[in-house]
Protein backbone atom coordinates (compact mmCIF):
# COMPACT_ATOMS: atom_id res chain seq x y z
CA UNK A 1 39.22 -76.06 -210.69
CA UNK A 2 39.11 -72.56 -211.71
CA UNK A 3 38.04 -70.83 -208.97
CA UNK A 4 37.58 -66.83 -207.90
CA UNK A 5 40.06 -65.31 -206.12
CA UNK A 6 37.97 -64.98 -202.68
CA UNK A 7 35.05 -67.04 -203.39
CA UNK A 8 32.78 -64.66 -201.44
CA UNK A 9 29.00 -64.63 -202.23
CA UNK A 10 28.15 -62.08 -200.06
CA UNK A 11 31.04 -59.34 -198.15
CA UNK A 12 32.13 -56.00 -198.30
CA UNK A 13 31.22 -53.38 -201.03
CA UNK A 14 33.93 -50.71 -201.76
CA UNK A 15 35.65 -51.67 -198.81
CA UNK A 16 32.37 -51.06 -196.36
CA UNK A 17 29.95 -52.87 -194.24
CA UNK A 18 26.89 -53.68 -195.67
CA UNK A 19 23.97 -54.70 -194.23
CA UNK A 20 21.68 -58.13 -195.03
CA UNK A 21 17.91 -56.31 -194.94
CA UNK A 22 15.21 -56.14 -197.31
CA UNK A 23 16.51 -54.21 -199.97
CA UNK A 24 19.34 -57.05 -200.24
CA UNK A 25 19.35 -57.68 -203.91
CA UNK A 26 20.53 -61.08 -205.87
CA UNK A 27 23.53 -60.67 -208.25
CA UNK A 28 22.52 -61.74 -211.72
CA UNK A 29 26.30 -61.24 -213.22
CA UNK A 30 29.98 -61.70 -211.81
CA UNK A 31 30.34 -58.32 -210.78
CA UNK A 32 29.87 -57.35 -207.25
CA UNK A 33 26.48 -55.40 -206.66
CA UNK A 34 26.10 -52.92 -204.10
CA UNK A 35 24.47 -55.03 -201.43
CA UNK A 36 27.73 -56.85 -201.63
CA UNK A 37 26.53 -59.96 -203.53
CA UNK A 38 28.14 -61.50 -206.22
CA UNK A 39 28.01 -64.89 -208.30
CA UNK A 40 31.12 -67.07 -208.44
CA UNK A 41 32.28 -68.76 -211.22
CA UNK A 42 33.35 -72.78 -210.18
CA UNK A 43 34.96 -73.49 -213.56
CA UNK A 44 33.56 -75.91 -215.88
CA UNK A 45 33.53 -78.71 -213.87
CA UNK A 46 31.42 -77.02 -210.68
CA UNK A 47 32.97 -78.10 -207.31
CA UNK A 48 34.21 -81.80 -208.53
CA UNK A 49 33.30 -85.01 -206.32
CA UNK A 50 35.15 -83.54 -203.33
CA UNK A 51 32.51 -80.51 -202.43
CA UNK A 52 33.01 -77.09 -200.73
CA UNK A 53 31.80 -75.51 -197.81
CA UNK A 54 30.01 -72.94 -197.60
CA UNK A 55 30.23 -70.48 -194.24
CA UNK A 56 27.80 -68.08 -192.91
CA UNK A 57 29.00 -65.28 -190.73
CA UNK A 58 26.12 -62.88 -188.77
CA UNK A 59 28.22 -60.15 -187.18
CA UNK A 60 25.89 -58.31 -185.89
CA UNK A 61 22.43 -58.49 -183.45
CA UNK A 62 19.11 -57.68 -185.51
CA UNK A 63 17.47 -54.31 -185.13
CA UNK A 64 13.98 -55.52 -185.12
CA UNK A 65 11.63 -58.06 -183.60
CA UNK A 66 9.53 -60.48 -185.21
CA UNK A 67 12.02 -60.54 -188.34
CA UNK A 68 13.10 -63.76 -190.24
CA UNK A 69 16.16 -64.10 -192.58
CA UNK A 70 16.21 -66.66 -195.09
CA UNK A 71 19.47 -67.62 -196.91
CA UNK A 72 19.98 -69.74 -200.13
CA UNK A 73 22.27 -70.87 -202.20
CA UNK A 74 21.44 -71.27 -205.74
CA UNK A 75 23.44 -72.88 -208.80
CA UNK A 76 23.57 -72.66 -212.46
CA UNK A 77 25.37 -72.90 -215.73
CA UNK A 78 24.05 -69.56 -216.82
CA UNK A 79 24.32 -66.10 -215.58
CA UNK A 80 20.65 -65.05 -216.60
CA UNK A 81 19.02 -68.29 -216.11
CA UNK A 82 18.48 -71.61 -214.49
CA UNK A 83 19.05 -70.72 -211.36
CA UNK A 84 17.96 -73.33 -208.70
CA UNK A 85 18.40 -73.89 -204.90
CA UNK A 86 21.44 -75.88 -204.27
CA UNK A 87 21.33 -75.48 -200.62
CA UNK A 88 19.12 -74.18 -197.30
CA UNK A 89 20.55 -72.36 -193.96
CA UNK A 90 17.93 -72.76 -191.34
CA UNK A 91 15.72 -69.76 -190.89
CA UNK A 92 17.25 -67.49 -188.25
CA UNK A 93 14.76 -65.32 -186.21
CA UNK A 94 15.87 -61.90 -184.95
CA UNK A 95 15.21 -62.09 -180.96
CA UNK A 96 15.41 -65.68 -179.43
CA UNK A 97 15.05 -66.88 -175.92
CA UNK A 98 15.83 -70.53 -174.54
CA UNK A 99 13.61 -71.96 -171.91
CA UNK A 100 14.12 -75.01 -169.58
CA UNK A 101 10.58 -75.89 -168.89
CA UNK A 102 9.29 -79.10 -166.80
CA UNK A 103 5.45 -80.26 -168.28
CA UNK A 104 2.74 -80.48 -166.39
CA UNK A 105 0.53 -80.58 -169.37
CA UNK A 106 2.17 -82.63 -172.27
CA UNK A 107 3.44 -80.34 -175.03
CA UNK A 108 2.95 -81.60 -178.83
CA UNK A 109 4.77 -80.44 -181.79
CA UNK A 110 1.80 -80.40 -184.10
CA UNK A 111 -0.23 -78.41 -182.04
CA UNK A 112 2.09 -75.86 -179.79
CA UNK A 113 4.98 -74.90 -182.50
CA UNK A 114 4.15 -71.64 -184.17
CA UNK A 115 1.68 -70.90 -181.26
CA UNK A 116 2.09 -68.07 -178.74
CA UNK A 117 3.86 -69.41 -175.15
CA UNK A 118 2.28 -66.77 -172.39
CA UNK A 119 4.27 -66.27 -169.13
CA UNK A 120 2.67 -63.87 -166.92
CA UNK A 121 1.35 -60.72 -167.52
CA UNK A 122 2.63 -59.42 -170.80
CA UNK A 123 5.35 -61.85 -171.53
CA UNK A 124 4.44 -63.17 -174.87
CA UNK A 125 6.41 -65.09 -177.28
CA UNK A 126 6.29 -67.44 -180.62
CA UNK A 127 7.35 -71.17 -180.21
CA UNK A 128 9.53 -71.97 -182.33
CA UNK A 129 10.80 -75.36 -181.31
CA UNK A 130 10.40 -77.54 -178.77
CA UNK A 131 12.11 -80.76 -176.73
CA UNK A 132 10.67 -84.12 -177.64
CA UNK A 133 11.22 -84.59 -173.67
CA UNK A 134 8.10 -82.16 -173.07
CA UNK A 135 5.62 -84.14 -174.95
CA UNK A 136 5.79 -86.64 -171.74
CA UNK A 137 4.11 -85.06 -168.31
CA UNK A 138 6.88 -84.51 -166.05
CA UNK A 139 9.66 -84.30 -168.72
CA UNK A 140 12.45 -81.33 -168.66
CA UNK A 141 13.32 -80.09 -171.94
CA UNK A 142 14.10 -76.85 -173.59
CA UNK A 143 11.74 -74.54 -175.88
CA UNK A 144 12.88 -71.62 -178.11
CA UNK A 145 10.91 -69.07 -178.07
CA UNK A 146 10.94 -65.72 -180.91
CA UNK A 147 10.44 -62.66 -178.60
CA UNK A 148 7.47 -60.07 -179.63
CA UNK A 149 8.91 -57.27 -178.29
CA UNK A 150 11.56 -56.45 -175.41
CA UNK A 151 9.30 -57.29 -172.55
CA UNK A 152 9.44 -61.17 -173.98
CA UNK A 153 11.90 -62.02 -171.66
CA UNK A 154 11.08 -64.91 -169.69
CA UNK A 155 13.06 -63.53 -166.33
CA UNK A 156 10.96 -64.99 -163.77
CA UNK A 157 12.07 -68.30 -162.40
CA UNK A 158 9.25 -70.83 -161.71
CA UNK A 159 6.60 -69.24 -163.45
CA UNK A 160 3.79 -71.31 -165.21
CA UNK A 161 4.20 -70.82 -169.20
CA UNK A 162 1.27 -71.81 -171.25
CA UNK A 163 1.26 -72.63 -174.82
CA UNK A 164 -1.96 -71.46 -176.92
CA UNK A 165 -1.76 -75.16 -178.61
CA UNK A 166 -2.55 -76.53 -175.20
CA UNK A 167 0.78 -77.44 -173.37
CA UNK A 168 1.76 -76.42 -170.00
CA UNK A 169 4.88 -76.31 -167.73
CA UNK A 170 6.68 -74.51 -165.26
CA UNK A 171 9.83 -72.94 -165.82
CA UNK A 172 13.53 -73.82 -164.36
CA UNK A 173 15.54 -71.02 -163.79
CA UNK A 174 15.13 -67.69 -166.30
CA UNK A 175 15.27 -67.65 -169.87
CA UNK A 176 18.83 -67.05 -171.73
CA UNK A 177 19.76 -65.98 -175.00
CA UNK A 178 21.01 -68.66 -177.12
CA UNK A 179 24.49 -67.87 -178.62
CA UNK A 180 23.09 -68.05 -182.10
CA UNK A 181 20.45 -65.48 -181.22
CA UNK A 182 23.07 -62.46 -181.05
CA UNK A 183 25.75 -61.14 -182.86
CA UNK A 184 28.89 -63.34 -183.69
CA UNK A 185 27.21 -66.67 -185.27
CA UNK A 186 28.65 -68.64 -187.54
CA UNK A 187 26.71 -71.24 -189.85
CA UNK A 188 27.96 -73.66 -192.16
CA UNK A 189 26.99 -76.31 -195.29
CA UNK A 190 28.88 -78.57 -196.99
CA UNK A 191 27.75 -78.95 -200.90
CA UNK A 192 28.78 -80.01 -204.40
CA UNK A 193 27.27 -79.29 -207.34
CA UNK A 194 28.24 -79.97 -211.21
CA UNK A 195 26.99 -76.48 -212.27
CA UNK A 196 29.49 -73.74 -213.04
CA UNK A 197 28.13 -70.82 -211.11
CA UNK A 198 26.75 -70.19 -207.41
CA UNK A 199 25.82 -66.97 -205.70
CA UNK A 200 23.14 -66.45 -202.51
CA UNK A 201 19.42 -65.21 -202.37
CA UNK A 202 18.75 -64.16 -198.76
CA UNK A 203 15.03 -62.75 -197.85
CA UNK A 204 14.61 -60.65 -195.00
CA UNK A 205 11.58 -60.00 -193.66
CA UNK A 206 9.38 -56.60 -193.85
CA UNK A 207 11.78 -53.70 -191.87
CA UNK A 208 14.09 -56.24 -190.82
CA UNK A 209 17.87 -55.47 -190.86
CA UNK A 210 20.45 -58.36 -189.71
CA UNK A 211 23.26 -56.17 -189.95
CA UNK A 212 26.53 -56.92 -191.64
CA UNK A 213 26.62 -60.73 -192.74
CA UNK A 214 29.52 -62.72 -194.64
CA UNK A 215 29.04 -65.92 -196.84
CA UNK A 216 31.80 -67.48 -198.45
CA UNK A 217 32.49 -70.46 -199.84
CA UNK A 218 36.02 -72.91 -199.44
CA UNK A 219 38.20 -75.90 -199.88
CA UNK A 220 40.51 -75.08 -197.73
CA UNK A 221 40.18 -77.56 -195.02
CA UNK A 222 40.33 -80.21 -197.60
CA UNK A 223 43.30 -78.93 -199.49
CA UNK A 224 45.95 -79.08 -197.18
CA UNK A 225 49.31 -78.26 -198.02
CA UNK A 226 51.03 -81.79 -196.06
CA UNK A 227 48.62 -83.59 -198.30
CA UNK A 228 50.93 -86.58 -199.25
CA UNK A 229 48.37 -87.56 -202.23
CA UNK A 230 48.82 -84.69 -204.14
C-alpha cells in the first residue's frame, strides 16, 4: 500500500506544538494546516483487509472546567467531498474524579447519569458513568464525576453523596483523579476502510483547550520484520 511518510492525522506544525482547542480546523487537502491537521492518502485500496490502528496521544491537562473533546476519524475517496464518520473515540471530559461508593439508595443509569452529584457543602459534579453494582442497595462500585470547578474534589471520606436523579450512597475513601483525566492519556482504535483518504474531525466545547494532542495511524505492529510469511 502507498502510505504517506508519517501517517499523522494531527500533530506538530512547523516544528511547534499545536493546541487542540475551539479553533481547530479540519483539513480539506493533503497539506497540513495551521492547526497541525492533515489528510492521509492510503492509496487506491485503502487500508486493505488487515486494517490499521489509530492512536490518540494527549500530552497535557485541559485548562478549563466543564469542557469536552470529541475526536472523530472520517474517510472519503475525495479530498473535497464525501467525508463520512469512520470511527469515534469516547468523549473526553476536562476534569474528572473517580469515587468509590456504597449505595444506600439504589442508583439507576437512566435517572442518574447526567445528573448532579452533591457531597457536602459546595461539592457538586455531573455523573458521567456509574457501576452497575450501585443499582443494588449495599452494592459497592465506582462513579465517574465531571468536576464543575476547582472545589469539586470529593476529598471527604465517609460523606454522603446524593444524586439529583435519586441515587444515594456513602463514599469509601476519597475521590481520585483517574489516569485518563490528566495529561499522558493514550487511546487506540482499530479500523479498516476501502476509502483512499482519512482525516480527523475534532470538536472542543466553548472556551476549551486540551493542549497538544497527536493523532496518528499505523500498521507497524501487524507488519513485523520477522514475519515468515512475507
